[in-house]
Amino acid sequence: MRLEVLSHIVIKFLIGLFMLAQSLYHIVIYGMYVSNLGMYLRSTKILNNELFQLIAPLFPFIEFALGLMLILEVYYKETMMITTIIFCSVTITYFFTDYQISNSLLMLLVSLLSIWLFVNRSYVYKHKKLSYL
């Protein structure tokens, strides 16, 4: 049981750290991120939704907040649900738009791990008072 709890904590921390690192990188190069995003959205037919085009430039900031909330376990159930939805939708988008296969497979792995974290979140309620180590 301790191994399951420890693996849950490590995977949660790694996914949160991945989200923080990726969002900080995109925030630092925000001008280039927005221009590349605009070119990418114009080149694909699958992402013609205007709502997506409005939210996409804000995605690094949303990702930063979710990564921080995931690491700190703030609103954990809701944060994990939103994170899982985002990772799964990004993975599906990558595969439908013929994005780089290495990035698509990485997002698939992160999506599967986030689904596993979301489904196996029961330890938070059962073992909250126990020491994790």
C-alpha atoms as a PDB file:
ATOM      1  CA  MET A   1       0.000   0.000   0.000  1.00  0.00           C
ATOM      2  CA  ARG A   2       2.830   2.422   0.748  1.00  0.00           C
ATOM      3  CA  LEU A   3       4.321   1.745  -2.680  1.00  0.00           C
ATOM      4  CA  GLU A   4       1.028   2.686  -4.330  1.00  0.00           C
ATOM      5  CA  VAL A   5       0.822   5.895  -2.307  1.00  0.00           C
ATOM      6  CA  LEU A   6       4.457   6.745  -3.023  1.00  0.00           C
ATOM      7  CA  SER A   7       4.060   6.069  -6.755  1.00  0.00           C
ATOM      8  CA  HIS A   8       0.930   8.219  -6.776  1.00  0.00           C
ATOM      9  CA  ILE A   9       2.790  11.105  -5.121  1.00  0.00           C
ATOM     10  CA  VAL A  10       5.824  10.807  -7.416  1.00  0.00           C
ATOM     11  CA  ILE A  11       3.751  10.655 -10.614  1.00  0.00           C
ATOM     12  CA  LYS A  12       1.578  13.570  -9.445  1.00  0.00           C
ATOM     13  CA  PHE A  13       4.684  15.614  -8.691  1.00  0.00           C
ATOM     14  CA  LEU A  14       6.300  14.762 -12.049  1.00  0.00           C
ATOM     15  CA  ILE A  15       3.183  15.681 -14.021  1.00  0.00           C
ATOM     16  CA  GLY A  16       2.886  18.938 -12.087  1.00  0.00           C
ATOM     17  CA  LEU A  17       6.565  19.669 -12.678  1.00  0.00           C
ATOM     18  CA  PHE A  18       6.171  18.875 -16.395  1.00  0.00           C
ATOM     19  CA  MET A  19       3.266  21.305 -16.599  1.00  0.00           C
ATOM     20  CA  LEU A  20       5.198  24.017 -14.723  1.00  0.00           C
ATOM     21  CA  ALA A  21       8.319  23.625 -16.874  1.00  0.00           C
ATOM     22  CA  GLN A  22       6.412  23.600 -20.142  1.00  0.00           C
ATOM     23  CA  SER A  23       4.310  26.616 -19.168  1.00  0.00           C
ATOM     24  CA  LEU A  24       7.309  28.616 -17.944  1.00  0.00           C
ATOM     25  CA  TYR A  25       9.103  27.910 -21.215  1.00  0.00           C
ATOM     26  CA  HIS A  26       6.108  29.147 -23.202  1.00  0.00           C
ATOM     27  CA  ILE A  27       5.706  32.205 -20.978  1.00  0.00           C
ATOM     28  CA  VAL A  28       9.378  33.166 -21.423  1.00  0.00           C
ATOM     29  CA  ILE A  29       9.107  32.951 -25.220  1.00  0.00           C
ATOM     30  CA  TYR A  30       5.498  34.164 -25.264  1.00  0.00           C
ATOM     31  CA  GLY A  31       5.824  36.317 -28.398  1.00  0.00           C
ATOM     32  CA  MET A  32       7.223  33.447 -30.427  1.00  0.00           C
ATOM     33  CA  TYR A  33       4.657  31.075 -28.868  1.00  0.00           C
ATOM     34  CA  VAL A  34       1.752  33.248 -30.011  1.00  0.00           C
ATOM     35  CA  SER A  35       3.153  33.697 -33.531  1.00  0.00           C
ATOM     36  CA  ASN A  36       3.825  29.953 -33.907  1.00  0.00           C
ATOM     37  CA  LEU A  37       0.383  29.209 -32.535  1.00  0.00           C
ATOM     38  CA  GLY A  38      -1.200  31.566 -35.057  1.00  0.00           C
ATOM     39  CA  MET A  39       0.649  29.906 -37.942  1.00  0.00           C
ATOM     40  CA  TYR A  40      -0.311  26.450 -36.658  1.00  0.00           C
ATOM     41  CA  LEU A  41      -3.979  27.364 -36.260  1.00  0.00           C
ATOM     42  CA  ARG A  42      -4.127  28.814 -39.778  1.00  0.00           C
ATOM     43  CA  SER A  43      -2.515  25.704 -41.264  1.00  0.00           C
ATOM     44  CA  THR A  44      -4.910  23.165 -39.779  1.00  0.00           C
ATOM     45  CA  LYS A  45      -8.562  22.590 -40.551  1.00  0.00           C
ATOM     46  CA  ILE A  46      -9.458  20.695 -37.394  1.00  0.00           C
ATOM     47  CA  LEU A  47      -8.975  23.641 -35.012  1.00  0.00           C
ATOM     48  CA  ASN A  48     -11.276  26.218 -36.656  1.00  0.00           C
ATOM     49  CA  ASN A  49     -13.214  26.798 -33.448  1.00  0.00           C
ATOM     50  CA  GLU A  50     -13.177  30.473 -32.440  1.00  0.00           C
ATOM     51  CA  LEU A  51     -13.379  29.642 -28.736  1.00  0.00           C
ATOM     52  CA  PHE A  52     -10.231  27.539 -29.037  1.00  0.00           C
ATOM     53  CA  GLN A  53      -8.467  30.367 -30.860  1.00  0.00           C
ATOM     54  CA  LEU A  54      -9.370  32.740 -28.016  1.00  0.00           C
ATOM     55  CA  ILE A  55      -8.254  30.402 -25.223  1.00  0.00           C
ATOM     56  CA  ALA A  56      -5.088  29.024 -26.865  1.00  0.00           C
ATOM     57  CA  PRO A  57      -2.898  32.099 -26.155  1.00  0.00           C
ATOM     58  CA  LEU A  58      -3.868  31.844 -22.472  1.00  0.00           C
ATOM     59  CA  PHE A  59      -2.987  28.168 -22.273  1.00  0.00           C
ATOM     60  CA  PRO A  60       0.532  28.603 -20.756  1.00  0.00           C
ATOM     61  CA  PHE A  61      -0.923  30.592 -17.866  1.00  0.00           C
ATOM     62  CA  ILE A  62      -3.704  28.051 -17.295  1.00  0.00           C
ATOM     63  CA  GLU A  63      -1.148  25.248 -17.449  1.00  0.00           C
ATOM     64  CA  PHE A  64       1.072  27.028 -14.917  1.00  0.00           C
ATOM     65  CA  ALA A  65      -1.814  27.440 -12.474  1.00  0.00           C
ATOM     66  CA  LEU A  66      -2.918  23.818 -12.877  1.00  0.00           C
ATOM     67  CA  GLY A  67       0.636  22.496 -12.437  1.00  0.00           C
ATOM     68  CA  LEU A  68       1.096  24.516  -9.264  1.00  0.00           C
ATOM     69  CA  MET A  69      -2.289  23.428  -7.931  1.00  0.00           C
ATOM     70  CA  LEU A  70      -1.467  19.800  -8.721  1.00  0.00           C
ATOM     71  CA  ILE A  71       1.845  19.892  -6.861  1.00  0.00           C
ATOM     72  CA  LEU A  72       0.319  21.663  -3.857  1.00  0.00           C
ATOM     73  CA  GLU A  73      -2.842  19.481  -3.930  1.00  0.00           C
ATOM     74  CA  VAL A  74      -5.160  22.489  -3.983  1.00  0.00           C
ATOM     75  CA  TYR A  75      -8.631  21.398  -5.141  1.00  0.00           C
ATOM     76  CA  TYR A  76      -7.009  18.117  -6.110  1.00  0.00           C
ATOM     77  CA  LYS A  77     -10.035  16.305  -7.544  1.00  0.00           C
ATOM     78  CA  GLU A  78     -11.109  19.229  -9.729  1.00  0.00           C
ATOM     79  CA  THR A  79      -7.541  20.021 -10.794  1.00  0.00           C
ATOM     80  CA  MET A  80      -6.866  16.418 -11.759  1.00  0.00           C
ATOM     81  CA  MET A  81     -10.117  16.244 -13.732  1.00  0.00           C
ATOM     82  CA  ILE A  82      -9.291  19.414 -15.700  1.00  0.00           C
ATOM     83  CA  THR A  83      -5.694  18.265 -16.239  1.00  0.00           C
ATOM     84  CA  THR A  84      -6.859  14.894 -17.545  1.00  0.00           C
ATOM     85  CA  ILE A  85      -9.328  16.519 -19.936  1.00  0.00           C
ATOM     86  CA  ILE A  86      -6.675  18.935 -21.233  1.00  0.00           C
ATOM     87  CA  PHE A  87      -4.034  16.237 -21.741  1.00  0.00           C
ATOM     88  CA  CYS A  88      -6.467  13.886 -23.485  1.00  0.00           C
ATOM     89  CA  SER A  89      -7.773  16.626 -25.785  1.00  0.00           C
ATOM     90  CA  VAL A  90      -4.238  17.775 -26.648  1.00  0.00           C
ATOM     91  CA  THR A  91      -3.243  14.171 -27.377  1.00  0.00           C
ATOM     92  CA  ILE A  92      -6.232  13.650 -29.679  1.00  0.00           C
ATOM     93  CA  THR A  93      -5.506  16.967 -31.412  1.00  0.00           C
ATOM     94  CA  TYR A  94      -1.844  16.023 -31.908  1.00  0.00           C
ATOM     95  CA  PHE A  95      -2.748  12.709 -33.515  1.00  0.00           C
ATOM     96  CA  PHE A  96      -5.415  14.211 -35.803  1.00  0.00           C
ATOM     97  CA  THR A  97      -3.241  17.105 -36.994  1.00  0.00           C
ATOM     98  CA  ASP A  98      -0.159  14.997 -37.849  1.00  0.00           C
ATOM     99  CA  TYR A  99       1.987  16.666 -35.192  1.00  0.00           C
ATOM    100  CA  GLN A 100       5.481  15.327 -34.441  1.00  0.00           C
ATOM    101  CA  ILE A 101       5.139  11.690 -33.411  1.00  0.00           C
ATOM    102  CA  SER A 102       7.539  12.021 -30.470  1.00  0.00           C
ATOM    103  CA  ASN A 103       5.478  14.830 -28.927  1.00  0.00           C
ATOM    104  CA  SER A 104       2.278  12.923 -29.648  1.00  0.00           C
ATOM    105  CA  LEU A 105       3.568   9.805 -27.889  1.00  0.00           C
ATOM    106  CA  LEU A 106       4.829  11.857 -24.932  1.00  0.00           C
ATOM    107  CA  MET A 107       1.409  13.472 -24.557  1.00  0.00           C
ATOM    108  CA  LEU A 108      -0.209  10.032 -24.825  1.00  0.00           C
ATOM    109  CA  LEU A 109       1.962   8.787 -21.953  1.00  0.00           C
ATOM    110  CA  VAL A 110       1.169  11.841 -19.822  1.00  0.00           C
ATOM    111  CA  SER A 111      -2.541  11.433 -20.643  1.00  0.00           C
ATOM    112  CA  LEU A 112      -2.525   7.811 -19.541  1.00  0.00           C
ATOM    113  CA  LEU A 113      -0.711   8.714 -16.317  1.00  0.00           C
ATOM    114  CA  SER A 114      -3.162  11.519 -15.597  1.00  0.00           C
ATOM    115  CA  ILE A 115      -6.088   9.152 -16.195  1.00  0.00           C
ATOM    116  CA  TRP A 116      -4.480   6.700 -13.766  1.00  0.00           C
ATOM    117  CA  LEU A 117      -4.082   9.466 -11.180  1.00  0.00           C
ATOM    118  CA  PHE A 118      -7.677  10.581 -11.623  1.00  0.00           C
ATOM    119  CA  VAL A 119      -9.102   7.077 -11.330  1.00  0.00           C
ATOM    120  CA  ASN A 120      -6.891   6.066  -8.376  1.00  0.00           C
ATOM    121  CA  ARG A 121      -7.370   9.197  -6.307  1.00  0.00           C
ATOM    122  CA  SER A 122      -9.001   7.369  -3.405  1.00  0.00           C
ATOM    123  CA  TYR A 123      -5.778   7.324  -1.362  1.00  0.00           C
ATOM    124  CA  VAL A 124      -6.162  11.057  -0.734  1.00  0.00           C
ATOM    125  CA  TYR A 125      -9.247  10.493   1.381  1.00  0.00           C
ATOM    126  CA  LYS A 126      -8.257   7.204   3.030  1.00  0.00           C
ATOM    127  CA  HIS A 127      -4.640   7.965   3.925  1.00  0.00           C
ATOM    128  CA  LYS A 128      -4.577  11.718   4.396  1.00  0.00           C
ATOM    129  CA  LYS A 129      -3.501  11.466   8.039  1.00  0.00           C
ATOM    130  CA  LEU A 130      -0.806   8.835   7.458  1.00  0.00           C
ATOM    131  CA  SER A 131       2.796   9.640   6.778  1.00  0.00           C
ATOM    132  CA  TYR A 132       3.649   8.983   3.150  1.00  0.00           C
ATOM    133  CA  LEU A 133       7.210   7.790   3.793  1.00  0.00           C
END
